[in-house]
């Protein structure tokens, strides 16, 4: 950690300096490949299939919209049928 100071400023108050410690920069060491390790590959596709199914949104609401539209159409036709039927009787 590297010591230092930082300023804290608040509206209507003077700036206050406080001691702070920042993490030191870590230099990455060069990694050498391990010659003893054997690369193995998984041929299991189950993980990919489950991810695809999770990314697809469920298809909800289309049946209820079609049902409501058909009920509305039937209601309008029924209302017109009653209105036209009464006019013929008069």
C-alpha atoms as a PDB file:
ATOM      1  CA  UNK A   1       0.000   0.000   0.000  1.00  0.00           C
ATOM      2  CA  UNK A   2       1.140   3.497  -0.791  1.00  0.00           C
ATOM      3  CA  UNK A   3       0.483   6.216   1.834  1.00  0.00           C
ATOM      4  CA  UNK A   4      -0.807   9.607   0.749  1.00  0.00           C
ATOM      5  CA  UNK A   5      -3.286  12.346   1.563  1.00  0.00           C
ATOM      6  CA  UNK A   6      -6.728  13.104   0.222  1.00  0.00           C
ATOM      7  CA  UNK A   7      -9.011  16.125   0.513  1.00  0.00           C
ATOM      8  CA  UNK A   8     -12.560  15.824   1.793  1.00  0.00           C
ATOM      9  CA  UNK A   9     -14.750  18.752   0.761  1.00  0.00           C
ATOM     10  CA  UNK A  10     -18.285  19.377   1.961  1.00  0.00           C
ATOM     11  CA  UNK A  11     -20.516  22.291   0.967  1.00  0.00           C
ATOM     12  CA  UNK A  12     -20.197  25.157   3.441  1.00  0.00           C
ATOM     13  CA  UNK A  13     -17.164  23.643   5.217  1.00  0.00           C
ATOM     14  CA  UNK A  14     -13.430  24.044   4.639  1.00  0.00           C
ATOM     15  CA  UNK A  15     -11.531  21.245   2.898  1.00  0.00           C
ATOM     16  CA  UNK A  16      -9.957  18.719   5.261  1.00  0.00           C
ATOM     17  CA  UNK A  17      -6.884  16.664   4.381  1.00  0.00           C
ATOM     18  CA  UNK A  18      -6.920  13.078   5.635  1.00  0.00           C
ATOM     19  CA  UNK A  19      -4.303  10.342   5.343  1.00  0.00           C
ATOM     20  CA  UNK A  20      -5.187   7.590   2.869  1.00  0.00           C
ATOM     21  CA  UNK A  21      -3.535   4.401   1.662  1.00  0.00           C
ATOM     22  CA  UNK A  22      -3.901   3.286  -1.934  1.00  0.00           C
ATOM     23  CA  UNK A  23      -3.074  -0.200  -3.128  1.00  0.00           C
ATOM     24  CA  UNK A  24       0.264  -0.471  -4.885  1.00  0.00           C
ATOM     25  CA  UNK A  25       0.308  -1.493  -8.531  1.00  0.00           C
ATOM     26  CA  UNK A  26       0.953  -5.171  -8.926  1.00  0.00           C
ATOM     27  CA  UNK A  27       3.180  -6.099 -11.821  1.00  0.00           C
ATOM     28  CA  UNK A  28       1.998  -9.358 -13.370  1.00  0.00           C
ATOM     29  CA  UNK A  29       4.633 -12.022 -13.632  1.00  0.00           C
ATOM     30  CA  UNK A  30       5.111 -13.739 -16.948  1.00  0.00           C
ATOM     31  CA  UNK A  31       3.437 -17.116 -16.861  1.00  0.00           C
ATOM     32  CA  UNK A  32       5.145 -20.072 -18.438  1.00  0.00           C
ATOM     33  CA  UNK A  33       2.942 -22.851 -19.759  1.00  0.00           C
ATOM     34  CA  UNK A  34       3.118 -26.057 -17.788  1.00  0.00           C
ATOM     35  CA  UNK A  35       4.499 -28.787 -20.038  1.00  0.00           C
ATOM     36  CA  UNK A  36       3.183 -31.557 -17.772  1.00  0.00           C
ATOM     37  CA  UNK A  37      -0.430 -30.451 -18.022  1.00  0.00           C
ATOM     38  CA  UNK A  38      -2.549 -32.024 -20.746  1.00  0.00           C
ATOM     39  CA  UNK A  39      -5.296 -29.952 -22.328  1.00  0.00           C
ATOM     40  CA  UNK A  40      -8.667 -31.654 -22.083  1.00  0.00           C
ATOM     41  CA  UNK A  41     -11.819 -30.507 -23.817  1.00  0.00           C
ATOM     42  CA  UNK A  42     -15.351 -31.120 -22.659  1.00  0.00           C
ATOM     43  CA  UNK A  43     -17.648 -32.365 -25.380  1.00  0.00           C
ATOM     44  CA  UNK A  44     -20.748 -31.912 -23.232  1.00  0.00           C
ATOM     45  CA  UNK A  45     -23.214 -29.665 -25.094  1.00  0.00           C
ATOM     46  CA  UNK A  46     -25.804 -29.634 -22.312  1.00  0.00           C
ATOM     47  CA  UNK A  47     -24.420 -26.381 -20.915  1.00  0.00           C
ATOM     48  CA  UNK A  48     -24.774 -24.559 -24.225  1.00  0.00           C
ATOM     49  CA  UNK A  49     -28.334 -25.768 -24.718  1.00  0.00           C
ATOM     50  CA  UNK A  50     -29.409 -24.632 -21.264  1.00  0.00           C
ATOM     51  CA  UNK A  51     -27.878 -21.196 -21.848  1.00  0.00           C
ATOM     52  CA  UNK A  52     -29.806 -20.820 -25.098  1.00  0.00           C
ATOM     53  CA  UNK A  53     -33.077 -21.720 -23.422  1.00  0.00           C
ATOM     54  CA  UNK A  54     -32.405 -19.223 -20.645  1.00  0.00           C
ATOM     55  CA  UNK A  55     -31.670 -16.422 -23.109  1.00  0.00           C
ATOM     56  CA  UNK A  56     -35.003 -16.843 -24.925  1.00  0.00           C
ATOM     57  CA  UNK A  57     -37.871 -14.965 -23.340  1.00  0.00           C
ATOM     58  CA  UNK A  58     -40.981 -16.996 -22.589  1.00  0.00           C
ATOM     59  CA  UNK A  59     -43.847 -16.526 -25.034  1.00  0.00           C
ATOM     60  CA  UNK A  60     -46.573 -15.200 -22.758  1.00  0.00           C
ATOM     61  CA  UNK A  61     -49.627 -13.105 -23.422  1.00  0.00           C
ATOM     62  CA  UNK A  62     -50.322 -14.040 -27.045  1.00  0.00           C
ATOM     63  CA  UNK A  63     -53.137 -16.457 -26.225  1.00  0.00           C
ATOM     64  CA  UNK A  64     -54.841 -14.024 -23.857  1.00  0.00           C
ATOM     65  CA  UNK A  65     -54.675 -11.262 -26.489  1.00  0.00           C
ATOM     66  CA  UNK A  66     -56.267 -13.522 -29.106  1.00  0.00           C
ATOM     67  CA  UNK A  67     -58.956 -14.584 -26.640  1.00  0.00           C
ATOM     68  CA  UNK A  68     -59.777 -11.001 -25.711  1.00  0.00           C
ATOM     69  CA  UNK A  69     -59.916  -9.951 -29.358  1.00  0.00           C
ATOM     70  CA  UNK A  70     -62.291 -12.788 -30.258  1.00  0.00           C
ATOM     71  CA  UNK A  71     -64.534 -12.052 -27.256  1.00  0.00           C
ATOM     72  CA  UNK A  72     -64.657  -8.377 -28.206  1.00  0.00           C
ATOM     73  CA  UNK A  73     -65.576  -9.211 -31.795  1.00  0.00           C
ATOM     74  CA  UNK A  74     -68.314 -11.604 -30.676  1.00  0.00           C
ATOM     75  CA  UNK A  75     -69.677  -8.983 -28.293  1.00  0.00           C
ATOM     76  CA  UNK A  76     -69.845  -6.370 -31.038  1.00  0.00           C
ATOM     77  CA  UNK A  77     -71.545  -8.772 -33.444  1.00  0.00           C
ATOM     78  CA  UNK A  78     -74.034  -9.783 -30.756  1.00  0.00           C
ATOM     79  CA  UNK A  79     -74.827  -6.139 -30.006  1.00  0.00           C
ATOM     80  CA  UNK A  80     -75.363  -5.388 -33.686  1.00  0.00           C
ATOM     81  CA  UNK A  81     -77.578  -8.451 -34.032  1.00  0.00           C
ATOM     82  CA  UNK A  82     -79.779  -7.339 -31.135  1.00  0.00           C
ATOM     83  CA  UNK A  83     -79.973  -3.765 -32.411  1.00  0.00           C
ATOM     84  CA  UNK A  84     -80.898  -4.817 -35.958  1.00  0.00           C
ATOM     85  CA  UNK A  85     -83.385  -7.409 -34.694  1.00  0.00           C
ATOM     86  CA  UNK A  86     -85.298  -4.818 -32.659  1.00  0.00           C
ATOM     87  CA  UNK A  87     -85.483  -2.416 -35.612  1.00  0.00           C
ATOM     88  CA  UNK A  88     -87.158  -5.068 -37.752  1.00  0.00           C
ATOM     89  CA  UNK A  89     -89.853  -5.697 -35.102  1.00  0.00           C
ATOM     90  CA  UNK A  90     -90.886  -2.028 -34.887  1.00  0.00           C
END
